[in-house]
Amino acid sequence: MSSPLSHPLVRTFLATVERRTAALPAAWREELLEDLREEIAAALADGRTEDPAAAGGPAISEERVRRALDWIGTPEEIAADALAEESGSIPPEPENPGGTWLTLGLAVLPVPLCLVPGVGIPLGLVAAFGALVRLWRSAPWARREKRQATLFVLSPLVTVPVLAAALSLAFDGISAPAFVASLLMALALPVVGAVRLARSAARLREQAP
């Protein structure tokens, strides 16, 4: 299968972002484009935007690429966020590592908390709400990153029922081990989101004077 970054839609997407962010410093613009390349490759590789029936084909379908790009955001939105940060209207600020790790910890806690008998689901919802409040009040991340992280945090609300239903069909009924397995698989997206936010915050701290 050819590289997902070589798809015409991807090349046009990146070229549009590059053109619309021409006012940015060259190093900043290249860093933004590199982050986008990683996001696009990851979105196409892990199947977030692909229908299960379409998996395994020899080439990446145009519809799958469109879903991946829609999930990431439009070039106009991405460029606007980047230019706003550069102009200072949304100034990125380094955050105390402890505050960052508290936010990221809350972001991945909801799924494990669901394993606590009786009170797990309410505790998970409280943790998710706390993560989103801290996320949107934190300075190290752009609006685009916050929107994507919100989807990651809330993704178990969709992925757990879907995975549980798939496992129940595969094994003729849902069992406790199958439910736990669905929770563990649903944890993947929040963890990926937390890792990306951690990298972004660490990079900002390194660049700070």
Protein backbone atom coordinates (compact mmCIF):
# COMPACT_ATOMS: atom_id res chain seq x y z
CA MET A 1 0.00 0.00 0.00
CA SER A 2 1.33 3.44 -0.88
CA SER A 3 2.14 5.98 1.78
CA PRO A 4 -1.03 7.76 3.01
CA LEU A 5 0.85 11.07 2.75
CA SER A 6 1.17 10.59 -1.01
CA HIS A 7 -2.60 10.61 -1.56
CA PRO A 8 -3.68 13.64 -3.66
CA LEU A 9 -6.21 14.75 -1.05
CA VAL A 10 -3.52 14.71 1.64
CA ARG A 11 -1.05 16.61 -0.53
CA THR A 12 -3.70 19.24 -1.31
CA PHE A 13 -4.64 19.48 2.38
CA LEU A 14 -1.04 20.03 3.50
CA ALA A 15 -0.32 22.45 0.66
CA THR A 16 -3.36 24.52 1.64
CA VAL A 17 -2.25 24.67 5.27
CA GLU A 18 1.26 25.63 4.19
CA ARG A 19 -0.06 28.38 1.91
CA ARG A 20 -2.43 29.79 4.52
CA THR A 21 0.29 29.83 7.20
CA ALA A 22 2.88 31.57 5.03
CA ALA A 23 3.03 34.38 7.60
CA LEU A 24 4.35 32.02 10.27
CA PRO A 25 8.08 31.66 10.93
CA ALA A 26 9.45 28.88 8.74
CA ALA A 27 10.44 26.65 11.67
CA TRP A 28 7.01 26.99 13.28
CA ARG A 29 5.25 26.27 9.99
CA GLU A 30 7.35 23.16 9.35
CA GLU A 31 6.68 21.91 12.88
CA LEU A 32 2.94 22.37 12.31
CA LEU A 33 3.10 20.47 9.01
CA GLU A 34 5.11 17.66 10.58
CA ASP A 35 2.53 17.32 13.36
CA LEU A 36 -0.22 17.17 10.74
CA ARG A 37 1.64 14.49 8.78
CA GLU A 38 1.87 12.39 11.95
CA GLU A 39 -1.82 12.90 12.73
CA ILE A 40 -2.92 11.96 9.23
CA ALA A 41 -0.74 8.85 9.15
CA ALA A 42 -1.99 7.80 12.59
CA ALA A 43 -5.66 8.42 11.71
CA LEU A 44 -5.37 6.26 8.60
CA ALA A 45 -3.30 3.57 10.30
CA ASP A 46 -5.39 2.92 13.40
CA GLY A 47 -8.77 2.79 11.67
CA ARG A 48 -10.43 5.64 13.60
CA THR A 49 -12.01 6.87 10.41
CA GLU A 50 -12.56 3.60 8.64
CA ASP A 51 -15.65 1.39 8.48
CA PRO A 52 -14.75 -2.13 9.66
CA ALA A 53 -16.02 -3.63 6.41
CA ALA A 54 -13.57 -1.52 4.44
CA ALA A 55 -10.47 -2.67 6.31
CA GLY A 56 -7.78 -4.75 4.74
CA GLY A 57 -7.99 -3.37 1.23
CA PRO A 58 -4.88 -2.99 -0.90
CA ALA A 59 -5.19 0.80 -1.12
CA ILE A 60 -6.54 3.64 0.96
CA SER A 61 -9.92 4.69 -0.32
CA GLU A 62 -10.69 8.33 -1.03
CA GLU A 63 -13.62 8.23 1.39
CA ARG A 64 -11.38 6.96 4.17
CA VAL A 65 -8.89 9.78 3.52
CA ARG A 66 -11.70 12.34 3.54
CA ARG A 67 -12.95 11.06 6.91
CA ALA A 68 -9.43 11.28 8.33
CA LEU A 69 -9.00 14.86 7.13
CA ASP A 70 -12.46 15.84 8.39
CA TRP A 71 -11.57 14.38 11.78
CA ILE A 72 -8.38 16.49 11.94
CA GLY A 73 -10.10 19.72 10.86
CA THR A 74 -10.19 22.00 7.86
CA PRO A 75 -7.03 23.73 6.61
CA GLU A 76 -8.72 27.06 7.34
CA GLU A 77 -9.35 26.17 10.99
CA ILE A 78 -5.84 24.81 11.46
CA ALA A 79 -4.24 27.85 9.87
CA ALA A 80 -6.43 30.24 11.87
CA ASP A 81 -5.43 28.59 15.16
CA ALA A 82 -1.74 28.65 14.23
CA LEU A 83 -1.83 32.30 13.14
CA ALA A 84 -3.79 33.29 16.26
CA GLU A 85 -1.18 31.67 18.48
CA GLU A 86 1.65 33.35 16.60
CA SER A 87 -0.03 36.76 16.82
CA GLY A 88 -0.57 36.36 20.54
CA SER A 89 -4.36 36.29 20.63
CA ILE A 90 -4.14 32.74 21.98
CA PRO A 91 -0.72 32.85 23.62
CA PRO A 92 0.69 29.40 24.39
CA GLU A 93 2.14 29.28 27.87
CA PRO A 94 4.20 26.56 29.53
CA GLU A 95 2.37 24.82 32.33
CA ASN A 96 3.66 23.27 35.51
CA PRO A 97 4.34 19.58 34.71
CA GLY A 98 2.24 18.57 37.70
CA GLY A 99 -0.79 20.40 36.31
CA THR A 100 -0.31 18.85 32.90
CA TRP A 101 -0.04 15.33 34.30
CA LEU A 102 -3.13 15.87 36.46
CA THR A 103 -5.12 16.82 33.35
CA LEU A 104 -3.79 13.86 31.37
CA GLY A 105 -4.36 11.47 34.28
CA LEU A 106 -8.00 12.55 34.53
CA ALA A 107 -8.31 12.08 30.75
CA VAL A 108 -7.41 8.38 30.88
CA LEU A 109 -9.05 7.55 34.25
CA PRO A 110 -12.71 7.28 33.16
CA VAL A 111 -12.32 3.86 31.50
CA PRO A 112 -10.37 2.18 34.37
CA LEU A 113 -12.80 3.69 36.90
CA CYS A 114 -15.67 1.90 35.15
CA LEU A 115 -14.21 -1.34 36.53
CA VAL A 116 -14.97 -0.23 40.11
CA PRO A 117 -18.12 -2.11 41.20
CA GLY A 118 -21.19 0.01 41.86
CA VAL A 119 -19.77 3.52 41.62
CA GLY A 120 -17.39 3.08 38.69
CA ILE A 121 -19.50 4.71 35.98
CA PRO A 122 -20.39 7.85 38.01
CA LEU A 123 -16.73 8.19 39.02
CA GLY A 124 -15.68 7.82 35.39
CA LEU A 125 -18.07 10.56 34.30
CA VAL A 126 -16.77 12.87 37.05
CA ALA A 127 -13.17 12.21 35.96
CA ALA A 128 -14.05 12.88 32.31
CA PHE A 129 -15.78 16.15 33.22
CA GLY A 130 -12.80 17.22 35.33
CA ALA A 131 -10.40 16.38 32.50
CA LEU A 132 -12.38 18.46 30.00
CA VAL A 133 -12.63 21.45 32.36
CA ARG A 134 -8.89 21.39 33.02
CA LEU A 135 -8.12 20.79 29.35
CA TRP A 136 -10.06 23.82 28.10
CA ARG A 137 -8.65 26.05 30.84
CA SER A 138 -5.05 25.01 30.21
CA ALA A 139 -2.71 27.23 28.23
CA PRO A 140 -0.25 24.81 26.54
CA TRP A 141 -2.65 23.54 23.88
CA ALA A 142 -4.25 25.15 20.85
CA ARG A 143 -7.99 24.97 20.23
CA ARG A 144 -7.46 22.32 17.57
CA GLU A 145 -5.60 20.12 20.05
CA LYS A 146 -8.29 20.69 22.68
CA ARG A 147 -11.07 19.73 20.26
CA GLN A 148 -9.29 16.54 19.27
CA ALA A 149 -8.48 15.70 22.91
CA THR A 150 -12.16 16.18 23.78
CA LEU A 151 -13.06 13.56 21.18
CA PHE A 152 -10.44 11.21 22.61
CA VAL A 153 -11.75 11.63 26.17
CA LEU A 154 -15.37 11.10 25.14
CA SER A 155 -14.63 8.31 22.64
CA PRO A 156 -15.32 5.46 25.16
CA LEU A 157 -18.98 6.53 25.24
CA VAL A 158 -19.13 5.22 21.67
CA THR A 159 -16.38 2.63 21.49
CA VAL A 160 -17.31 0.66 24.64
CA PRO A 161 -20.90 -0.11 23.52
CA VAL A 162 -19.74 -0.89 19.97
CA LEU A 163 -16.95 -3.19 21.15
CA ALA A 164 -19.18 -4.87 23.73
CA ALA A 165 -21.83 -5.52 21.08
CA ALA A 166 -19.22 -6.92 18.68
CA LEU A 167 -17.80 -9.22 21.35
CA SER A 168 -21.27 -10.39 22.39
CA LEU A 169 -22.01 -11.35 18.79
CA ALA A 170 -18.67 -13.09 18.42
CA PHE A 171 -18.97 -15.08 21.65
CA ASP A 172 -22.76 -15.54 21.80
CA GLY A 173 -23.40 -13.16 24.66
CA ILE A 174 -21.49 -10.63 26.67
CA SER A 175 -19.50 -11.96 29.62
CA ALA A 176 -17.59 -10.14 32.33
CA PRO A 177 -14.22 -10.87 30.68
CA ALA A 178 -15.55 -9.66 27.31
CA PHE A 179 -16.81 -6.44 28.91
CA VAL A 180 -13.44 -5.86 30.56
CA ALA A 181 -11.74 -6.53 27.22
CA SER A 182 -13.97 -3.93 25.53
CA LEU A 183 -13.02 -1.38 28.21
CA LEU A 184 -9.32 -2.07 27.75
CA MET A 185 -9.58 -1.69 23.98
CA ALA A 186 -11.58 1.52 24.38
CA LEU A 187 -8.76 2.90 26.53
CA ALA A 188 -6.49 3.10 23.48
CA LEU A 189 -7.84 6.39 22.10
CA PRO A 190 -7.71 8.34 25.40
CA VAL A 191 -4.14 7.10 25.92
CA VAL A 192 -3.13 8.18 22.40
CA GLY A 193 -4.69 11.60 23.03
CA ALA A 194 -2.90 11.97 26.37
CA VAL A 195 0.45 11.06 24.80
CA ARG A 196 0.01 13.66 22.08
CA LEU A 197 -0.91 16.37 24.60
CA ALA A 198 2.03 15.43 26.81
CA ARG A 199 4.42 15.76 23.88
CA SER A 200 2.96 19.14 22.92
CA ALA A 201 3.20 20.50 26.47
CA ALA A 202 6.76 19.19 26.89
CA ARG A 203 7.82 20.80 23.60
CA LEU A 204 6.41 24.15 24.76
CA ARG A 205 8.29 23.92 28.07
CA GLU A 206 11.52 23.18 26.21
CA GLN A 207 11.05 26.25 23.99
CA ALA A 208 10.25 28.56 26.89
CA PRO A 209 13.04 30.93 28.00
